[in-house]
Amino acid sequence: MPNDFLYPVPDLALGQFHRVEQTIKRSRFICTAAHVTSPEEAKAFIDQIREEFSDARHNCWAFAAGAPGATAQVGMSDDGEPHGTAGRPMLTVLLHCGVGEIAVVVTRYFGGILLGTGGLIRAYQGTVKFALETLPTAERLVTVPLRVTIEHRYVTQFLRLLPQYRASISESNFGMDAEYVLAIPRDAIPALTKDLTELTSGSVLVEPPEED
């Protein structure tokens, strides 16, 4: 079975954060990370952290709300730091860390010593990497809906097939036939369809999801 529909995400519930702190040349760098599934969730999280640390000189942020490495739902901000020294370096770390659906805010309390362009880039990247070292993660299974209509006499064998395809039942209805809506990884659909066709001698009805 292919595994490209699996990827790690922060194991954090809505409103739950992961936070680390380090001091670099007297400046405090606090990284707060969250699990986000959309730019809207990311921006709500960022606003919350900016409000919490409203007295800080900078609350720089970056997010990548899709699968690891995907750039369709990303954002970043230097929040007053010199252009390109915070948001972009932080986003680069997120896009190459192998974790999806993540947002981070790095809060800086200035300690009186200038770090320079290179020093700032290293500090912001390093603080995000420091947070990722201890970030709890969980496996994210990407699924699509699949409707299956099958004769009642095959239901027991059908249900036994589902775990090997990481499929779960979202809806069920029992009339003349048994009707199910499954949540299943898209890549698993052809193999499950083949097994069901063989099991029922072709009498099963499988309705794939519409293409994006």
N, C-alpha and C. Protein backbone atom coordinates (compact mmCIF):
# COMPACT_ATOMS: atom_id res chain seq x y z
N MET A 1 0.84 -1.20 0.00
CA MET A 1 0.00 0.00 0.00
C MET A 1 0.89 1.26 0.00
N PRO A 2 0.61 2.25 -0.81
CA PRO A 2 1.40 3.47 -0.82
C PRO A 2 1.19 4.28 0.44
N ASN A 3 2.20 5.10 0.79
CA ASN A 3 2.13 5.86 2.04
C ASN A 3 2.16 7.36 1.81
N ASP A 4 1.97 7.85 0.56
CA ASP A 4 2.11 9.26 0.32
C ASP A 4 0.91 10.07 0.82
N PHE A 5 -0.10 9.39 1.39
CA PHE A 5 -1.23 10.11 1.95
C PHE A 5 -1.09 10.25 3.46
N LEU A 6 0.09 9.93 3.98
CA LEU A 6 0.36 10.06 5.41
C LEU A 6 1.44 11.11 5.64
N TYR A 7 1.25 11.97 6.64
CA TYR A 7 2.32 12.87 6.99
C TYR A 7 2.13 13.34 8.44
N PRO A 8 3.24 13.73 9.11
CA PRO A 8 3.13 14.18 10.49
C PRO A 8 2.64 15.61 10.59
N VAL A 9 1.87 15.88 11.63
CA VAL A 9 1.40 17.22 11.95
C VAL A 9 1.60 17.43 13.45
N PRO A 10 1.59 18.66 13.93
CA PRO A 10 1.70 18.89 15.37
C PRO A 10 0.56 18.20 16.12
N ASP A 11 0.90 17.47 17.14
CA ASP A 11 -0.11 16.78 17.96
C ASP A 11 -0.61 17.74 19.03
N LEU A 12 -1.33 18.76 18.57
CA LEU A 12 -1.81 19.82 19.44
C LEU A 12 -3.27 20.10 19.11
N ALA A 13 -4.12 20.12 20.12
CA ALA A 13 -5.53 20.42 19.91
C ALA A 13 -5.70 21.92 19.67
N LEU A 14 -6.88 22.31 19.16
CA LEU A 14 -7.17 23.71 18.93
C LEU A 14 -7.03 24.49 20.23
N GLY A 15 -6.23 25.54 20.20
CA GLY A 15 -5.99 26.33 21.40
C GLY A 15 -4.83 25.85 22.24
N GLN A 16 -4.23 24.74 21.85
CA GLN A 16 -3.07 24.19 22.57
C GLN A 16 -1.80 24.56 21.83
N PHE A 17 -0.74 24.97 22.56
CA PHE A 17 0.49 25.43 21.93
C PHE A 17 1.70 24.65 22.46
N HIS A 18 2.76 24.68 21.68
CA HIS A 18 4.07 24.17 22.11
C HIS A 18 5.02 25.36 22.13
N ARG A 19 5.77 25.52 23.22
CA ARG A 19 6.57 26.74 23.38
C ARG A 19 7.95 26.42 23.93
N VAL A 20 8.95 27.09 23.36
CA VAL A 20 10.32 27.01 23.87
C VAL A 20 10.88 28.42 23.93
N GLU A 21 11.97 28.58 24.67
CA GLU A 21 12.59 29.90 24.80
C GLU A 21 14.10 29.73 24.88
N GLN A 22 14.82 30.67 24.28
CA GLN A 22 16.27 30.72 24.44
C GLN A 22 16.73 32.17 24.42
N THR A 23 17.89 32.42 25.01
CA THR A 23 18.47 33.76 25.05
C THR A 23 19.70 33.80 24.18
N ILE A 24 19.75 34.79 23.28
CA ILE A 24 20.88 34.96 22.37
C ILE A 24 21.36 36.39 22.49
N LYS A 25 22.55 36.56 23.02
CA LYS A 25 23.13 37.89 23.22
C LYS A 25 22.14 38.82 23.92
N ARG A 26 21.60 38.32 25.00
CA ARG A 26 20.70 39.05 25.90
C ARG A 26 19.29 39.24 25.37
N SER A 27 19.04 38.93 24.10
CA SER A 27 17.68 39.00 23.58
C SER A 27 16.96 37.69 23.86
N ARG A 28 15.71 37.79 24.32
CA ARG A 28 14.88 36.59 24.54
C ARG A 28 14.13 36.25 23.25
N PHE A 29 14.25 35.01 22.83
CA PHE A 29 13.52 34.52 21.66
C PHE A 29 12.59 33.41 22.13
N ILE A 30 11.29 33.64 21.97
CA ILE A 30 10.27 32.69 22.42
C ILE A 30 9.53 32.19 21.20
N CYS A 31 9.58 30.88 20.96
CA CYS A 31 8.87 30.31 19.81
C CYS A 31 7.63 29.58 20.29
N THR A 32 6.49 29.96 19.74
CA THR A 32 5.22 29.30 20.02
C THR A 32 4.73 28.65 18.74
N ALA A 33 4.39 27.36 18.80
CA ALA A 33 3.95 26.60 17.62
C ALA A 33 2.54 26.08 17.83
N ALA A 34 1.80 25.94 16.73
CA ALA A 34 0.43 25.45 16.79
C ALA A 34 0.12 24.62 15.54
N HIS A 35 -0.92 23.80 15.65
CA HIS A 35 -1.43 23.04 14.52
C HIS A 35 -2.52 23.87 13.84
N VAL A 36 -2.34 24.15 12.56
CA VAL A 36 -3.33 24.93 11.81
C VAL A 36 -3.62 24.22 10.49
N THR A 37 -4.87 24.29 10.04
CA THR A 37 -5.26 23.63 8.80
C THR A 37 -5.68 24.61 7.71
N SER A 38 -5.55 25.91 7.98
CA SER A 38 -5.92 26.91 6.99
C SER A 38 -5.23 28.22 7.35
N PRO A 39 -5.10 29.14 6.37
CA PRO A 39 -4.56 30.46 6.68
C PRO A 39 -5.37 31.20 7.73
N GLU A 40 -6.68 30.99 7.73
CA GLU A 40 -7.54 31.66 8.71
C GLU A 40 -7.20 31.20 10.13
N GLU A 41 -7.02 29.88 10.31
CA GLU A 41 -6.63 29.38 11.63
C GLU A 41 -5.26 29.90 12.02
N ALA A 42 -4.35 29.97 11.06
CA ALA A 42 -3.01 30.47 11.35
C ALA A 42 -3.05 31.92 11.81
N LYS A 43 -3.83 32.75 11.12
CA LYS A 43 -3.88 34.16 11.47
C LYS A 43 -4.55 34.39 12.82
N ALA A 44 -5.54 33.56 13.15
CA ALA A 44 -6.17 33.67 14.47
C ALA A 44 -5.17 33.33 15.57
N PHE A 45 -4.37 32.29 15.34
CA PHE A 45 -3.32 31.91 16.29
C PHE A 45 -2.30 33.02 16.43
N ILE A 46 -1.85 33.58 15.32
CA ILE A 46 -0.85 34.65 15.34
C ILE A 46 -1.37 35.86 16.12
N ASP A 47 -2.62 36.23 15.88
CA ASP A 47 -3.22 37.36 16.60
C ASP A 47 -3.25 37.09 18.10
N GLN A 48 -3.53 35.86 18.47
CA GLN A 48 -3.59 35.52 19.89
C GLN A 48 -2.23 35.67 20.55
N ILE A 49 -1.18 35.21 19.87
CA ILE A 49 0.16 35.30 20.44
C ILE A 49 0.63 36.75 20.46
N ARG A 50 0.30 37.51 19.42
CA ARG A 50 0.68 38.93 19.40
C ARG A 50 0.01 39.69 20.54
N GLU A 51 -1.21 39.31 20.87
CA GLU A 51 -1.90 39.95 21.99
C GLU A 51 -1.25 39.55 23.32
N GLU A 52 -0.89 38.27 23.42
CA GLU A 52 -0.25 37.78 24.66
C GLU A 52 1.07 38.50 24.91
N PHE A 53 1.84 38.71 23.84
CA PHE A 53 3.16 39.34 23.96
C PHE A 53 3.13 40.73 23.33
N SER A 54 2.12 41.51 23.64
CA SER A 54 1.95 42.83 23.04
C SER A 54 3.05 43.81 23.45
N ASP A 55 3.77 43.51 24.52
CA ASP A 55 4.84 44.40 24.97
C ASP A 55 6.17 44.08 24.32
N ALA A 56 6.23 43.02 23.51
CA ALA A 56 7.49 42.64 22.86
C ALA A 56 7.74 43.54 21.65
N ARG A 57 9.01 43.71 21.32
CA ARG A 57 9.36 44.55 20.18
C ARG A 57 8.95 43.87 18.86
N HIS A 58 9.08 42.55 18.79
CA HIS A 58 8.77 41.84 17.55
C HIS A 58 8.03 40.54 17.83
N ASN A 59 7.01 40.26 17.04
CA ASN A 59 6.35 38.96 17.01
C ASN A 59 6.34 38.49 15.55
N CYS A 60 7.44 37.90 15.14
CA CYS A 60 7.60 37.45 13.76
C CYS A 60 6.93 36.09 13.59
N TRP A 61 6.42 35.83 12.39
CA TRP A 61 5.66 34.59 12.23
C TRP A 61 5.79 34.00 10.84
N ALA A 62 5.44 32.71 10.78
CA ALA A 62 5.40 31.98 9.51
C ALA A 62 4.45 30.81 9.69
N PHE A 63 3.80 30.43 8.60
CA PHE A 63 2.95 29.24 8.66
C PHE A 63 2.94 28.52 7.32
N ALA A 64 2.74 27.22 7.39
CA ALA A 64 2.57 26.36 6.21
C ALA A 64 1.41 25.43 6.56
N ALA A 65 0.22 25.78 6.09
CA ALA A 65 -1.00 25.12 6.57
C ALA A 65 -1.37 23.87 5.79
N GLY A 66 -0.54 23.46 4.82
CA GLY A 66 -0.84 22.26 4.04
C GLY A 66 0.08 21.11 4.38
N ALA A 67 0.24 20.19 3.44
CA ALA A 67 1.14 19.06 3.61
C ALA A 67 2.59 19.54 3.66
N PRO A 68 3.51 18.72 4.20
CA PRO A 68 4.91 19.13 4.28
C PRO A 68 5.46 19.57 2.92
N GLY A 69 6.07 20.74 2.89
CA GLY A 69 6.68 21.25 1.68
C GLY A 69 5.74 21.96 0.72
N ALA A 70 4.42 21.86 0.94
CA ALA A 70 3.46 22.50 0.05
C ALA A 70 3.43 24.01 0.29
N THR A 71 3.34 24.77 -0.79
CA THR A 71 3.42 26.23 -0.67
C THR A 71 2.11 26.94 -1.01
N ALA A 72 1.02 26.19 -1.16
CA ALA A 72 -0.25 26.82 -1.53
C ALA A 72 -0.86 27.64 -0.40
N GLN A 73 -0.58 27.26 0.85
CA GLN A 73 -1.16 27.95 2.01
C GLN A 73 -0.06 28.33 2.98
N VAL A 74 0.74 29.33 2.61
CA VAL A 74 1.85 29.76 3.45
C VAL A 74 1.76 31.27 3.68
N GLY A 75 2.46 31.73 4.69
CA GLY A 75 2.53 33.14 4.99
C GLY A 75 3.70 33.42 5.91
N MET A 76 4.11 34.69 6.00
CA MET A 76 5.26 35.03 6.83
C MET A 76 5.28 36.53 7.08
N SER A 77 5.98 36.94 8.13
CA SER A 77 6.13 38.37 8.43
C SER A 77 7.39 38.60 9.26
N ASP A 78 8.13 39.66 8.91
CA ASP A 78 9.30 40.06 9.70
C ASP A 78 8.90 40.92 10.90
N ASP A 79 7.69 41.44 10.91
CA ASP A 79 7.16 42.25 12.00
C ASP A 79 8.16 43.28 12.52
N GLY A 80 8.72 44.05 11.60
CA GLY A 80 9.60 45.14 12.01
C GLY A 80 11.07 44.83 12.00
N GLU A 81 11.44 43.58 11.94
CA GLU A 81 12.85 43.23 11.80
C GLU A 81 13.29 43.58 10.37
N PRO A 82 14.59 43.74 10.13
CA PRO A 82 15.06 44.02 8.77
C PRO A 82 14.52 42.99 7.77
N HIS A 83 14.16 43.46 6.59
CA HIS A 83 13.51 42.62 5.58
C HIS A 83 14.32 41.34 5.31
N GLY A 84 13.63 40.22 5.38
CA GLY A 84 14.25 38.94 5.05
C GLY A 84 15.03 38.28 6.16
N THR A 85 14.99 38.87 7.37
CA THR A 85 15.80 38.30 8.46
C THR A 85 15.01 37.40 9.40
N ALA A 86 13.69 37.35 9.27
CA ALA A 86 12.89 36.58 10.24
C ALA A 86 11.85 35.70 9.56
N GLY A 87 10.82 36.32 8.95
CA GLY A 87 9.73 35.54 8.39
C GLY A 87 10.16 34.54 7.35
N ARG A 88 10.94 34.98 6.34
CA ARG A 88 11.39 34.07 5.29
C ARG A 88 12.27 32.95 5.83
N PRO A 89 13.26 33.22 6.66
CA PRO A 89 14.05 32.13 7.22
C PRO A 89 13.21 31.15 8.05
N MET A 90 12.24 31.67 8.79
CA MET A 90 11.38 30.78 9.57
C MET A 90 10.54 29.89 8.66
N LEU A 91 9.98 30.48 7.58
CA LEU A 91 9.17 29.70 6.65
C LEU A 91 10.02 28.63 5.97
N THR A 92 11.25 28.96 5.63
CA THR A 92 12.15 27.98 5.01
C THR A 92 12.32 26.76 5.91
N VAL A 93 12.48 27.00 7.21
CA VAL A 93 12.59 25.88 8.15
C VAL A 93 11.32 25.04 8.13
N LEU A 94 10.16 25.68 8.16
CA LEU A 94 8.90 24.95 8.19
C LEU A 94 8.72 24.10 6.93
N LEU A 95 9.08 24.66 5.78
CA LEU A 95 8.87 23.94 4.52
C LEU A 95 9.80 22.76 4.34
N HIS A 96 10.87 22.71 5.13
CA HIS A 96 11.83 21.61 5.00
C HIS A 96 11.91 20.71 6.23
N CYS A 97 10.99 20.91 7.17
CA CYS A 97 11.09 20.14 8.42
C CYS A 97 10.35 18.82 8.37
N GLY A 98 9.54 18.60 7.32
CA GLY A 98 8.82 17.34 7.21
C GLY A 98 7.52 17.28 7.98
N VAL A 99 7.14 18.38 8.62
CA VAL A 99 5.89 18.45 9.37
C VAL A 99 4.93 19.38 8.63
N GLY A 100 3.68 18.99 8.49
CA GLY A 100 2.70 19.83 7.82
C GLY A 100 1.77 20.51 8.80
N GLU A 101 0.97 21.44 8.28
CA GLU A 101 -0.09 22.11 9.04
C GLU A 101 0.43 22.74 10.32
N ILE A 102 1.43 23.60 10.16
CA ILE A 102 2.11 24.18 11.32
C ILE A 102 2.25 25.69 11.17
N ALA A 103 2.12 26.38 12.28
CA ALA A 103 2.36 27.82 12.35
C ALA A 103 3.25 28.11 13.55
N VAL A 104 4.12 29.09 13.40
CA VAL A 104 5.01 29.48 14.51
C VAL A 104 5.06 31.00 14.62
N VAL A 105 5.16 31.47 15.84
CA VAL A 105 5.45 32.88 16.13
C VAL A 105 6.70 32.91 16.98
N VAL A 106 7.68 33.70 16.56
CA VAL A 106 8.88 33.89 17.38
C VAL A 106 8.83 35.31 17.93
N THR A 107 8.69 35.38 19.23
CA THR A 107 8.62 36.65 19.95
C THR A 107 10.03 37.03 20.39
N ARG A 108 10.40 38.29 20.14
CA ARG A 108 11.74 38.74 20.55
C ARG A 108 11.62 39.92 21.50
N TYR A 109 12.28 39.78 22.66
CA TYR A 109 12.47 40.89 23.58
C TYR A 109 13.93 41.34 23.43
N PHE A 110 14.11 42.53 22.90
CA PHE A 110 15.45 43.03 22.58
C PHE A 110 16.28 43.20 23.84
N GLY A 111 17.53 42.70 23.76
CA GLY A 111 18.40 42.74 24.93
C GLY A 111 19.47 43.82 24.89
N GLY A 112 19.42 44.68 23.86
CA GLY A 112 20.37 45.79 23.81
C GLY A 112 21.58 45.56 22.94
N ILE A 113 21.75 44.34 22.42
CA ILE A 113 22.90 44.04 21.56
C ILE A 113 22.39 43.73 20.16
N LEU A 114 22.87 44.48 19.16
CA LEU A 114 22.47 44.24 17.78
C LEU A 114 23.10 42.94 17.28
N LEU A 115 22.31 42.14 16.58
CA LEU A 115 22.79 40.85 16.09
C LEU A 115 23.27 40.89 14.65
N GLY A 116 22.90 41.93 13.91
CA GLY A 116 23.27 41.98 12.51
C GLY A 116 22.37 41.08 11.68
N THR A 117 22.41 41.26 10.36
CA THR A 117 21.54 40.50 9.48
C THR A 117 21.73 38.99 9.62
N GLY A 118 22.96 38.55 9.52
CA GLY A 118 23.25 37.13 9.64
C GLY A 118 22.87 36.57 11.00
N GLY A 119 23.14 37.35 12.03
CA GLY A 119 22.81 36.90 13.38
C GLY A 119 21.33 36.76 13.59
N LEU A 120 20.55 37.68 13.03
CA LEU A 120 19.10 37.59 13.15
C LEU A 120 18.56 36.36 12.43
N ILE A 121 19.04 36.13 11.22
CA ILE A 121 18.58 34.95 10.46
C ILE A 121 18.87 33.68 11.25
N ARG A 122 20.09 33.57 11.78
CA ARG A 122 20.45 32.37 12.55
C ARG A 122 19.60 32.25 13.81
N ALA A 123 19.32 33.38 14.45
CA ALA A 123 18.55 33.35 15.69
C ALA A 123 17.11 32.90 15.45
N TYR A 124 16.47 33.47 14.43
CA TYR A 124 15.08 33.10 14.16
C TYR A 124 14.97 31.67 13.64
N GLN A 125 15.85 31.29 12.73
CA GLN A 125 15.83 29.91 12.26
C GLN A 125 16.14 28.94 13.40
N GLY A 126 17.14 29.29 14.17
CA GLY A 126 17.55 28.39 15.26
C GLY A 126 16.47 28.22 16.31
N THR A 127 15.72 29.29 16.59
CA THR A 127 14.67 29.18 17.59
C THR A 127 13.53 28.29 17.10
N VAL A 128 13.19 28.39 15.80
CA VAL A 128 12.17 27.50 15.24
C VAL A 128 12.66 26.06 15.27
N LYS A 129 13.91 25.83 14.88
CA LYS A 129 14.46 24.47 14.92
C LYS A 129 14.47 23.92 16.34
N PHE A 130 14.77 24.78 17.30
CA PHE A 130 14.78 24.38 18.70
C PHE A 130 13.38 23.91 19.12
N ALA A 131 12.35 24.62 18.67
CA ALA A 131 10.98 24.21 19.00
C ALA A 131 10.61 22.89 18.33
N LEU A 132 11.06 22.71 17.10
CA LEU A 132 10.73 21.48 16.37
C LEU A 132 11.37 20.24 17.00
N GLU A 133 12.48 20.43 17.71
CA GLU A 133 13.15 19.29 18.34
C GLU A 133 12.27 18.59 19.36
N THR A 134 11.39 19.33 20.02
CA THR A 134 10.54 18.76 21.07
C THR A 134 9.06 18.83 20.72
N LEU A 135 8.74 19.20 19.48
CA LEU A 135 7.34 19.31 19.07
C LEU A 135 6.68 17.93 19.03
N PRO A 136 5.56 17.74 19.73
CA PRO A 136 4.85 16.46 19.62
C PRO A 136 4.13 16.38 18.27
N THR A 137 4.19 15.24 17.62
CA THR A 137 3.55 15.09 16.32
C THR A 137 2.66 13.85 16.30
N ALA A 138 1.72 13.87 15.37
CA ALA A 138 0.83 12.73 15.16
C ALA A 138 0.69 12.51 13.66
N GLU A 139 0.30 11.31 13.28
CA GLU A 139 0.15 10.98 11.87
C GLU A 139 -1.16 11.52 11.33
N ARG A 140 -1.10 12.21 10.22
CA ARG A 140 -2.29 12.75 9.55
C ARG A 140 -2.62 11.87 8.37
N LEU A 141 -3.83 11.36 8.35
CA LEU A 141 -4.29 10.51 7.27
C LEU A 141 -5.25 11.32 6.39
N VAL A 142 -4.87 11.51 5.14
CA VAL A 142 -5.68 12.29 4.21
C VAL A 142 -6.66 11.37 3.50
N THR A 143 -7.95 11.63 3.64
CA THR A 143 -8.96 10.75 3.07
C THR A 143 -9.93 11.51 2.17
N VAL A 144 -10.65 10.75 1.35
CA VAL A 144 -11.72 11.29 0.51
C VAL A 144 -12.95 10.41 0.73
N PRO A 145 -14.15 10.90 0.44
CA PRO A 145 -15.35 10.08 0.60
C PRO A 145 -15.51 9.10 -0.57
N LEU A 146 -16.02 7.91 -0.26
CA LEU A 146 -16.27 6.89 -1.28
C LEU A 146 -17.58 6.19 -0.92
N ARG A 147 -18.51 6.16 -1.86
CA ARG A 147 -19.81 5.51 -1.63
C ARG A 147 -19.76 4.09 -2.17
N VAL A 148 -20.17 3.14 -1.34
CA VAL A 148 -20.19 1.72 -1.72
C VAL A 148 -21.58 1.16 -1.47
N THR A 149 -22.17 0.55 -2.48
CA THR A 149 -23.47 -0.14 -2.36
C THR A 149 -23.23 -1.62 -2.61
N ILE A 150 -23.59 -2.44 -1.63
CA ILE A 150 -23.23 -3.85 -1.67
C ILE A 150 -24.36 -4.70 -1.11
N GLU A 151 -24.50 -5.91 -1.62
CA GLU A 151 -25.55 -6.82 -1.12
C GLU A 151 -25.26 -7.20 0.33
N HIS A 152 -26.34 -7.41 1.09
CA HIS A 152 -26.19 -7.70 2.52
C HIS A 152 -25.35 -8.94 2.78
N ARG A 153 -25.40 -9.90 1.90
CA ARG A 153 -24.69 -11.16 2.16
C ARG A 153 -23.16 -10.98 2.13
N TYR A 154 -22.70 -9.86 1.56
CA TYR A 154 -21.25 -9.63 1.50
C TYR A 154 -20.75 -8.66 2.58
N VAL A 155 -21.64 -8.16 3.41
CA VAL A 155 -21.27 -7.08 4.33
C VAL A 155 -20.17 -7.50 5.30
N THR A 156 -20.27 -8.68 5.88
CA THR A 156 -19.25 -9.10 6.87
C THR A 156 -17.86 -9.13 6.25
N GLN A 157 -17.75 -9.71 5.04
CA GLN A 157 -16.44 -9.77 4.37
C GLN A 157 -15.97 -8.37 3.96
N PHE A 158 -16.92 -7.55 3.55
CA PHE A 158 -16.59 -6.16 3.19
C PHE A 158 -16.00 -5.41 4.38
N LEU A 159 -16.61 -5.53 5.54
CA LEU A 159 -16.13 -4.83 6.72
C LEU A 159 -14.74 -5.31 7.14
N ARG A 160 -14.45 -6.57 6.90
CA ARG A 160 -13.13 -7.11 7.25
C ARG A 160 -12.02 -6.55 6.36
N LEU A 161 -12.40 -6.09 5.16
CA LEU A 161 -11.41 -5.54 4.24
C LEU A 161 -10.97 -4.13 4.61
N LEU A 162 -11.84 -3.39 5.28
CA LEU A 162 -11.60 -1.96 5.46
C LEU A 162 -10.30 -1.61 6.20
N PRO A 163 -9.94 -2.29 7.29
CA PRO A 163 -8.74 -1.87 8.02
C PRO A 163 -7.47 -1.88 7.17
N GLN A 164 -7.33 -2.85 6.27
CA GLN A 164 -6.09 -2.91 5.50
C GLN A 164 -5.97 -1.75 4.52
N TYR A 165 -7.08 -1.07 4.24
CA TYR A 165 -7.05 0.10 3.36
C TYR A 165 -7.21 1.40 4.14
N ARG A 166 -7.09 1.32 5.44
CA ARG A 166 -7.22 2.49 6.32
C ARG A 166 -8.52 3.23 6.07
N ALA A 167 -9.56 2.49 5.79
CA ALA A 167 -10.87 3.07 5.50
C ALA A 167 -11.75 2.99 6.74
N SER A 168 -12.56 4.01 6.93
CA SER A 168 -13.51 4.03 8.03
C SER A 168 -14.88 4.40 7.50
N ILE A 169 -15.92 4.04 8.24
CA ILE A 169 -17.29 4.28 7.81
C ILE A 169 -17.77 5.63 8.34
N SER A 170 -18.19 6.50 7.43
CA SER A 170 -18.74 7.81 7.82
C SER A 170 -20.26 7.76 7.92
N GLU A 171 -20.90 7.01 7.01
CA GLU A 171 -22.36 6.88 7.00
C GLU A 171 -22.72 5.47 6.56
N SER A 172 -23.89 5.01 7.01
CA SER A 172 -24.40 3.70 6.57
C SER A 172 -25.92 3.76 6.48
N ASN A 173 -26.44 3.00 5.54
CA ASN A 173 -27.88 2.95 5.34
C ASN A 173 -28.25 1.55 4.83
N PHE A 174 -29.26 0.95 5.42
CA PHE A 174 -29.62 -0.42 5.07
C PHE A 174 -31.04 -0.46 4.50
N GLY A 175 -31.11 -0.68 3.19
CA GLY A 175 -32.38 -0.86 2.50
C GLY A 175 -32.35 -2.22 1.82
N MET A 176 -32.69 -2.23 0.55
CA MET A 176 -32.59 -3.48 -0.19
C MET A 176 -31.14 -3.94 -0.28
N ASP A 177 -30.23 -2.99 -0.35
CA ASP A 177 -28.79 -3.26 -0.26
C ASP A 177 -28.22 -2.44 0.89
N ALA A 178 -26.98 -2.74 1.23
CA ALA A 178 -26.28 -1.96 2.25
C ALA A 178 -25.50 -0.85 1.55
N GLU A 179 -25.68 0.38 2.02
CA GLU A 179 -25.00 1.51 1.44
C GLU A 179 -24.08 2.14 2.50
N TYR A 180 -22.84 2.39 2.09
CA TYR A 180 -21.87 2.98 3.01
C TYR A 180 -21.19 4.16 2.33
N VAL A 181 -20.87 5.16 3.13
CA VAL A 181 -19.95 6.21 2.71
C VAL A 181 -18.68 6.03 3.55
N LEU A 182 -17.57 5.81 2.86
CA LEU A 182 -16.30 5.57 3.53
C LEU A 182 -15.44 6.83 3.50
N ALA A 183 -14.55 6.95 4.48
CA ALA A 183 -13.43 7.89 4.43
C ALA A 183 -12.20 7.05 4.16
N ILE A 184 -11.56 7.26 3.02
CA ILE A 184 -10.50 6.36 2.57
C ILE A 184 -9.42 7.17 1.85
N PRO A 185 -8.14 6.80 1.99
CA PRO A 185 -7.10 7.45 1.20
C PRO A 185 -7.36 7.25 -0.29
N ARG A 186 -7.22 8.30 -1.06
CA ARG A 186 -7.54 8.23 -2.48
C ARG A 186 -6.76 7.12 -3.18
N ASP A 187 -5.48 6.96 -2.83
CA ASP A 187 -4.65 5.98 -3.50
C ASP A 187 -5.08 4.54 -3.22
N ALA A 188 -5.89 4.34 -2.18
CA ALA A 188 -6.33 2.99 -1.83
C ALA A 188 -7.59 2.56 -2.58
N ILE A 189 -8.25 3.49 -3.26
CA ILE A 189 -9.54 3.19 -3.90
C ILE A 189 -9.43 2.11 -4.98
N PRO A 190 -8.46 2.18 -5.91
CA PRO A 190 -8.41 1.15 -6.95
C PRO A 190 -8.28 -0.27 -6.40
N ALA A 191 -7.41 -0.47 -5.39
CA ALA A 191 -7.21 -1.81 -4.85
C ALA A 191 -8.44 -2.31 -4.11
N LEU A 192 -9.10 -1.43 -3.33
CA LEU A 192 -10.31 -1.84 -2.64
C LEU A 192 -11.42 -2.17 -3.65
N THR A 193 -11.54 -1.36 -4.69
CA THR A 193 -12.55 -1.62 -5.73
C THR A 193 -12.31 -2.98 -6.38
N LYS A 194 -11.07 -3.30 -6.66
CA LYS A 194 -10.72 -4.60 -7.27
C LYS A 194 -11.12 -5.74 -6.34
N ASP A 195 -10.81 -5.61 -5.05
CA ASP A 195 -11.15 -6.67 -4.10
C ASP A 195 -12.67 -6.84 -3.98
N LEU A 196 -13.39 -5.73 -3.96
CA LEU A 196 -14.85 -5.81 -3.83
C LEU A 196 -15.49 -6.39 -5.09
N THR A 197 -14.93 -6.05 -6.23
CA THR A 197 -15.45 -6.60 -7.49
C THR A 197 -15.28 -8.11 -7.52
N GLU A 198 -14.11 -8.58 -7.08
CA GLU A 198 -13.86 -10.02 -7.03
C GLU A 198 -14.76 -10.70 -6.00
N LEU A 199 -14.92 -10.05 -4.84
CA LEU A 199 -15.73 -10.63 -3.76
C LEU A 199 -17.19 -10.81 -4.20
N THR A 200 -17.71 -9.84 -4.92
CA THR A 200 -19.14 -9.84 -5.26
C THR A 200 -19.43 -10.27 -6.70
N SER A 201 -18.38 -10.73 -7.39
CA SER A 201 -18.52 -11.11 -8.81
C SER A 201 -19.08 -9.95 -9.64
N GLY A 202 -18.68 -8.74 -9.27
CA GLY A 202 -19.04 -7.57 -10.04
C GLY A 202 -20.35 -6.91 -9.69
N SER A 203 -21.01 -7.38 -8.63
CA SER A 203 -22.32 -6.80 -8.31
C SER A 203 -22.24 -5.57 -7.41
N VAL A 204 -21.06 -5.20 -6.95
CA VAL A 204 -20.90 -4.04 -6.08
C VAL A 204 -20.93 -2.76 -6.90
N LEU A 205 -21.41 -1.67 -6.29
CA LEU A 205 -21.38 -0.35 -6.92
C LEU A 205 -20.46 0.54 -6.10
N VAL A 206 -19.36 0.99 -6.71
CA VAL A 206 -18.40 1.88 -6.05
C VAL A 206 -18.40 3.21 -6.79
N GLU A 207 -18.68 4.27 -6.06
CA GLU A 207 -18.76 5.61 -6.67
C GLU A 207 -17.59 6.47 -6.15
N PRO A 208 -16.56 6.60 -6.99
CA PRO A 208 -15.37 7.39 -6.56
C PRO A 208 -15.73 8.84 -6.36
N PRO A 209 -14.89 9.56 -5.60
CA PRO A 209 -15.11 11.00 -5.40
C PRO A 209 -14.84 11.75 -6.69
N GLU A 210 -15.46 12.93 -6.83
CA GLU A 210 -15.21 13.76 -7.99
C GLU A 210 -13.77 14.27 -7.95
N GLU A 211 -13.17 14.38 -9.12
CA GLU A 211 -11.81 14.89 -9.20
C GLU A 211 -11.79 16.37 -8.87
N ASP A 212 -10.71 16.80 -8.19
CA ASP A 212 -10.56 18.23 -7.86
C ASP A 212 -10.32 19.04 -9.13
